[in-house]
Amino acid sequence: MRFAVVVLVALLALLQMRLWVSADGFRGVAQLRSQVAAQANENRDLTERNRRLEAEVADLRQGFSALEERARADLGLIAPNESFYIYAERPRRGPEAGAR
C-alpha cells in the first residue's frame, strides 16, 4: 500500500512538472496566446490596408478624376493649356547678413 502511494505521488509530481515546465505546458500556451494576439493585430492592419487599396482600385476604375490625380501626383503630368509653377523659398541669410 505504501509503495502504491509513493508511486502515485511521484507520478503526480512528474505530471505537475511537465505541466509547469515543458514547452507544451502553461509557458507554451502563454507564448501561443501572445503569438495569436500579434497575428490578430497584423491581420487587422492588413485588412485595413486591403480595404483602402480596394477602394482606390474601384475609384480608378470608375472615374478619370482619381486617375488624373494619380498622374499629377506620381508622374508630375499636367493637362494641356495648363501652366506649371514651382515656388521655391528664398535662401535664408545668416545672422551676420542681417546686421549690415
N, C-alpha and C. Protein backbone atom coordinates (compact mmCIF):
# COMPACT_ATOMS: atom_id res chain seq x y z
N MET A 1 0.82 -1.19 0.00
CA MET A 1 0.00 0.00 0.00
C MET A 1 0.87 1.26 0.00
N ARG A 2 1.91 1.22 0.84
CA ARG A 2 2.79 2.38 0.94
C ARG A 2 3.54 2.59 -0.38
N PHE A 3 3.91 1.51 -1.06
CA PHE A 3 4.60 1.59 -2.34
C PHE A 3 3.71 2.25 -3.39
N ALA A 4 2.42 1.91 -3.38
CA ALA A 4 1.47 2.48 -4.34
C ALA A 4 1.32 3.98 -4.12
N VAL A 5 1.30 4.41 -2.86
CA VAL A 5 1.18 5.84 -2.56
C VAL A 5 2.42 6.58 -3.04
N VAL A 6 3.59 6.02 -2.83
CA VAL A 6 4.83 6.65 -3.27
C VAL A 6 4.86 6.76 -4.80
N VAL A 7 4.44 5.71 -5.47
CA VAL A 7 4.40 5.72 -6.94
C VAL A 7 3.41 6.78 -7.43
N LEU A 8 2.24 6.86 -6.82
CA LEU A 8 1.23 7.85 -7.24
C LEU A 8 1.71 9.28 -6.98
N VAL A 9 2.37 9.52 -5.85
CA VAL A 9 2.89 10.86 -5.55
C VAL A 9 3.99 11.22 -6.55
N ALA A 10 4.87 10.26 -6.87
CA ALA A 10 5.93 10.50 -7.85
C ALA A 10 5.33 10.78 -9.23
N LEU A 11 4.31 10.05 -9.60
CA LEU A 11 3.63 10.27 -10.88
C LEU A 11 2.96 11.63 -10.91
N LEU A 12 2.33 12.03 -9.83
CA LEU A 12 1.69 13.35 -9.74
C LEU A 12 2.73 14.46 -9.84
N ALA A 13 3.87 14.28 -9.17
CA ALA A 13 4.94 15.28 -9.25
C ALA A 13 5.49 15.38 -10.67
N LEU A 14 5.65 14.26 -11.35
CA LEU A 14 6.14 14.25 -12.71
C LEU A 14 5.16 14.95 -13.65
N LEU A 15 3.89 14.69 -13.49
CA LEU A 15 2.88 15.34 -14.33
C LEU A 15 2.80 16.84 -14.06
N GLN A 16 2.91 17.23 -12.81
CA GLN A 16 2.89 18.65 -12.47
C GLN A 16 4.11 19.36 -13.07
N MET A 17 5.27 18.71 -12.98
CA MET A 17 6.48 19.31 -13.52
C MET A 17 6.33 19.48 -15.04
N ARG A 18 5.78 18.50 -15.70
CA ARG A 18 5.58 18.60 -17.15
C ARG A 18 4.59 19.71 -17.48
N LEU A 19 3.58 19.86 -16.67
CA LEU A 19 2.57 20.89 -16.90
C LEU A 19 3.16 22.28 -16.74
N TRP A 20 4.01 22.49 -15.77
CA TRP A 20 4.53 23.83 -15.48
C TRP A 20 5.80 24.17 -16.25
N VAL A 21 6.64 23.19 -16.58
CA VAL A 21 7.96 23.47 -17.13
C VAL A 21 8.07 23.20 -18.63
N SER A 22 7.41 22.22 -19.14
CA SER A 22 7.63 21.81 -20.52
C SER A 22 7.10 22.84 -21.52
N ALA A 23 7.51 22.66 -22.77
CA ALA A 23 7.13 23.60 -23.84
C ALA A 23 5.64 23.52 -24.17
N ASP A 24 5.02 22.39 -23.90
CA ASP A 24 3.59 22.29 -24.19
C ASP A 24 2.74 22.47 -22.93
N GLY A 25 3.32 23.05 -21.90
CA GLY A 25 2.59 23.35 -20.67
C GLY A 25 2.08 24.78 -20.67
N PHE A 26 2.02 25.36 -19.48
CA PHE A 26 1.49 26.72 -19.34
C PHE A 26 2.34 27.75 -20.08
N ARG A 27 3.65 27.57 -20.06
CA ARG A 27 4.53 28.52 -20.74
C ARG A 27 4.26 28.49 -22.25
N GLY A 28 4.11 27.32 -22.81
CA GLY A 28 3.81 27.19 -24.23
C GLY A 28 2.49 27.81 -24.61
N VAL A 29 1.49 27.62 -23.75
CA VAL A 29 0.18 28.21 -24.00
C VAL A 29 0.26 29.73 -23.96
N ALA A 30 1.02 30.28 -23.03
CA ALA A 30 1.17 31.74 -22.94
C ALA A 30 1.87 32.28 -24.18
N GLN A 31 2.89 31.58 -24.67
CA GLN A 31 3.58 32.01 -25.89
C GLN A 31 2.65 31.96 -27.09
N LEU A 32 1.86 30.92 -27.18
CA LEU A 32 0.92 30.81 -28.30
C LEU A 32 -0.13 31.90 -28.24
N ARG A 33 -0.59 32.23 -27.06
CA ARG A 33 -1.58 33.32 -26.94
C ARG A 33 -1.00 34.65 -27.39
N SER A 34 0.26 34.92 -27.02
CA SER A 34 0.87 36.18 -27.46
C SER A 34 1.09 36.18 -28.97
N GLN A 35 1.43 35.04 -29.55
CA GLN A 35 1.58 34.96 -30.99
C GLN A 35 0.24 35.16 -31.70
N VAL A 36 -0.83 34.62 -31.14
CA VAL A 36 -2.16 34.79 -31.72
C VAL A 36 -2.57 36.26 -31.67
N ALA A 37 -2.28 36.93 -30.55
CA ALA A 37 -2.61 38.34 -30.43
C ALA A 37 -1.83 39.18 -31.43
N ALA A 38 -0.55 38.88 -31.60
CA ALA A 38 0.27 39.62 -32.57
C ALA A 38 -0.23 39.38 -33.99
N GLN A 39 -0.59 38.16 -34.30
CA GLN A 39 -1.11 37.85 -35.63
C GLN A 39 -2.45 38.52 -35.87
N ALA A 40 -3.29 38.59 -34.85
CA ALA A 40 -4.58 39.27 -34.99
C ALA A 40 -4.38 40.76 -35.27
N ASN A 41 -3.40 41.39 -34.60
CA ASN A 41 -3.09 42.80 -34.88
C ASN A 41 -2.60 42.98 -36.30
N GLU A 42 -1.73 42.11 -36.74
CA GLU A 42 -1.22 42.21 -38.11
C GLU A 42 -2.34 41.99 -39.12
N ASN A 43 -3.21 41.03 -38.86
CA ASN A 43 -4.34 40.78 -39.74
C ASN A 43 -5.26 41.99 -39.82
N ARG A 44 -5.48 42.65 -38.68
CA ARG A 44 -6.33 43.84 -38.66
C ARG A 44 -5.73 44.94 -39.50
N ASP A 45 -4.40 45.15 -39.37
CA ASP A 45 -3.72 46.18 -40.15
C ASP A 45 -3.78 45.86 -41.65
N LEU A 46 -3.54 44.60 -41.99
CA LEU A 46 -3.56 44.21 -43.40
C LEU A 46 -4.97 44.28 -43.98
N THR A 47 -5.97 43.97 -43.19
CA THR A 47 -7.35 44.09 -43.65
C THR A 47 -7.70 45.54 -43.95
N GLU A 48 -7.26 46.43 -43.10
CA GLU A 48 -7.50 47.87 -43.33
C GLU A 48 -6.76 48.33 -44.58
N ARG A 49 -5.53 47.88 -44.76
CA ARG A 49 -4.78 48.25 -45.96
C ARG A 49 -5.46 47.72 -47.22
N ASN A 50 -5.93 46.48 -47.17
CA ASN A 50 -6.64 45.90 -48.31
C ASN A 50 -7.92 46.67 -48.62
N ARG A 51 -8.62 47.09 -47.58
CA ARG A 51 -9.85 47.86 -47.79
C ARG A 51 -9.55 49.18 -48.50
N ARG A 52 -8.48 49.85 -48.07
CA ARG A 52 -8.09 51.11 -48.71
C ARG A 52 -7.68 50.89 -50.16
N LEU A 53 -6.91 49.82 -50.42
CA LEU A 53 -6.48 49.54 -51.78
C LEU A 53 -7.66 49.17 -52.68
N GLU A 54 -8.62 48.41 -52.16
CA GLU A 54 -9.81 48.07 -52.94
C GLU A 54 -10.61 49.32 -53.28
N ALA A 55 -10.72 50.24 -52.33
CA ALA A 55 -11.43 51.48 -52.60
C ALA A 55 -10.70 52.30 -53.65
N GLU A 56 -9.39 52.32 -53.60
CA GLU A 56 -8.62 53.06 -54.60
C GLU A 56 -8.76 52.44 -55.98
N VAL A 57 -8.73 51.11 -56.06
CA VAL A 57 -8.90 50.42 -57.34
C VAL A 57 -10.29 50.70 -57.91
N ALA A 58 -11.29 50.63 -57.06
CA ALA A 58 -12.66 50.91 -57.52
C ALA A 58 -12.78 52.34 -58.02
N ASP A 59 -12.14 53.27 -57.33
CA ASP A 59 -12.18 54.67 -57.74
C ASP A 59 -11.46 54.86 -59.07
N LEU A 60 -10.34 54.17 -59.25
CA LEU A 60 -9.60 54.28 -60.52
C LEU A 60 -10.39 53.68 -61.68
N ARG A 61 -11.14 52.63 -61.42
CA ARG A 61 -11.94 52.01 -62.48
C ARG A 61 -13.17 52.83 -62.85
N GLN A 62 -13.72 53.58 -61.90
CA GLN A 62 -14.97 54.29 -62.14
C GLN A 62 -14.79 55.62 -62.85
N GLY A 63 -13.83 56.40 -62.43
CA GLY A 63 -13.76 57.74 -62.99
C GLY A 63 -12.36 58.16 -63.33
N PHE A 64 -12.29 59.23 -64.10
CA PHE A 64 -11.00 59.74 -64.51
C PHE A 64 -10.41 60.73 -63.52
N SER A 65 -11.20 61.19 -62.56
CA SER A 65 -10.67 62.17 -61.61
C SER A 65 -9.58 61.56 -60.74
N ALA A 66 -9.80 60.34 -60.29
CA ALA A 66 -8.77 59.69 -59.47
C ALA A 66 -7.55 59.36 -60.32
N LEU A 67 -7.78 58.95 -61.55
CA LEU A 67 -6.67 58.64 -62.44
C LEU A 67 -5.85 59.90 -62.74
N GLU A 68 -6.55 61.02 -62.97
CA GLU A 68 -5.87 62.28 -63.22
C GLU A 68 -5.08 62.73 -61.99
N GLU A 69 -5.68 62.58 -60.82
CA GLU A 69 -4.99 62.96 -59.58
C GLU A 69 -3.73 62.13 -59.39
N ARG A 70 -3.83 60.85 -59.68
CA ARG A 70 -2.68 59.94 -59.54
C ARG A 70 -1.58 60.32 -60.53
N ALA A 71 -1.95 60.65 -61.77
CA ALA A 71 -0.97 61.03 -62.78
C ALA A 71 -0.28 62.33 -62.39
N ARG A 72 -1.03 63.26 -61.83
CA ARG A 72 -0.43 64.52 -61.42
C ARG A 72 0.53 64.32 -60.24
N ALA A 73 0.10 63.57 -59.25
CA ALA A 73 0.89 63.40 -58.04
C ALA A 73 2.12 62.51 -58.25
N ASP A 74 1.93 61.38 -58.91
CA ASP A 74 3.01 60.40 -59.02
C ASP A 74 3.93 60.67 -60.21
N LEU A 75 3.35 61.11 -61.32
CA LEU A 75 4.14 61.27 -62.53
C LEU A 75 4.48 62.71 -62.87
N GLY A 76 3.84 63.66 -62.18
CA GLY A 76 4.12 65.07 -62.43
C GLY A 76 3.54 65.58 -63.74
N LEU A 77 2.49 64.94 -64.24
CA LEU A 77 1.89 65.34 -65.51
C LEU A 77 1.00 66.56 -65.33
N ILE A 78 0.88 67.34 -66.41
CA ILE A 78 -0.04 68.48 -66.41
C ILE A 78 -0.94 68.35 -67.62
N ALA A 79 -2.10 68.96 -67.54
CA ALA A 79 -3.07 68.90 -68.63
C ALA A 79 -2.71 69.93 -69.69
N PRO A 80 -3.23 69.77 -70.91
CA PRO A 80 -3.00 70.77 -71.94
C PRO A 80 -3.54 72.13 -71.50
N ASN A 81 -2.90 73.19 -71.96
CA ASN A 81 -3.29 74.56 -71.65
C ASN A 81 -3.16 74.90 -70.17
N GLU A 82 -2.32 74.18 -69.44
CA GLU A 82 -2.06 74.50 -68.03
C GLU A 82 -0.64 75.01 -67.91
N SER A 83 -0.43 75.86 -66.95
CA SER A 83 0.91 76.36 -66.65
C SER A 83 1.39 75.71 -65.36
N PHE A 84 2.64 75.33 -65.35
CA PHE A 84 3.22 74.66 -64.19
C PHE A 84 4.18 75.63 -63.52
N TYR A 85 3.96 75.87 -62.24
CA TYR A 85 4.79 76.79 -61.47
C TYR A 85 5.41 76.05 -60.30
N ILE A 86 6.66 76.36 -60.04
CA ILE A 86 7.34 75.83 -58.86
C ILE A 86 7.70 77.03 -58.00
N TYR A 87 7.25 77.01 -56.78
CA TYR A 87 7.57 78.08 -55.84
C TYR A 87 8.69 77.59 -54.94
N ALA A 88 9.77 78.33 -54.94
CA ALA A 88 10.92 77.97 -54.11
C ALA A 88 11.10 79.04 -53.04
N GLU A 89 11.50 78.62 -51.87
CA GLU A 89 11.75 79.57 -50.80
C GLU A 89 13.07 80.27 -51.06
N ARG A 90 13.14 81.53 -50.64
CA ARG A 90 14.38 82.26 -50.76
C ARG A 90 15.37 81.71 -49.74
N PRO A 91 16.64 81.67 -50.11
CA PRO A 91 17.62 81.18 -49.12
C PRO A 91 17.72 82.15 -47.95
N ARG A 92 17.79 81.60 -46.79
CA ARG A 92 17.88 82.43 -45.58
C ARG A 92 19.31 82.91 -45.41
N ARG A 93 19.41 84.13 -44.93
CA ARG A 93 20.73 84.69 -44.68
C ARG A 93 21.10 84.44 -43.23
N GLY A 94 22.38 84.38 -42.99
CA GLY A 94 22.87 84.16 -41.64
C GLY A 94 22.67 85.39 -40.78
N PRO A 95 22.91 85.34 -39.49
CA PRO A 95 22.72 86.47 -38.58
C PRO A 95 23.65 87.65 -38.89
N GLU A 96 24.84 87.36 -39.45
CA GLU A 96 25.75 88.46 -39.77
C GLU A 96 25.25 89.27 -40.97
N ALA A 97 24.48 88.64 -41.87
CA ALA A 97 23.97 89.36 -43.05
C ALA A 97 22.88 90.35 -42.65
N GLY A 98 22.12 90.06 -41.62
CA GLY A 98 21.04 90.94 -41.20
C GLY A 98 21.55 92.18 -40.46
N ALA A 99 22.77 92.14 -39.97
CA ALA A 99 23.31 93.26 -39.19
C ALA A 99 23.86 94.36 -40.09
N ARG A 100 24.03 94.14 -41.35
CA ARG A 100 24.61 95.14 -42.26
C ARG A 100 23.65 96.19 -42.64
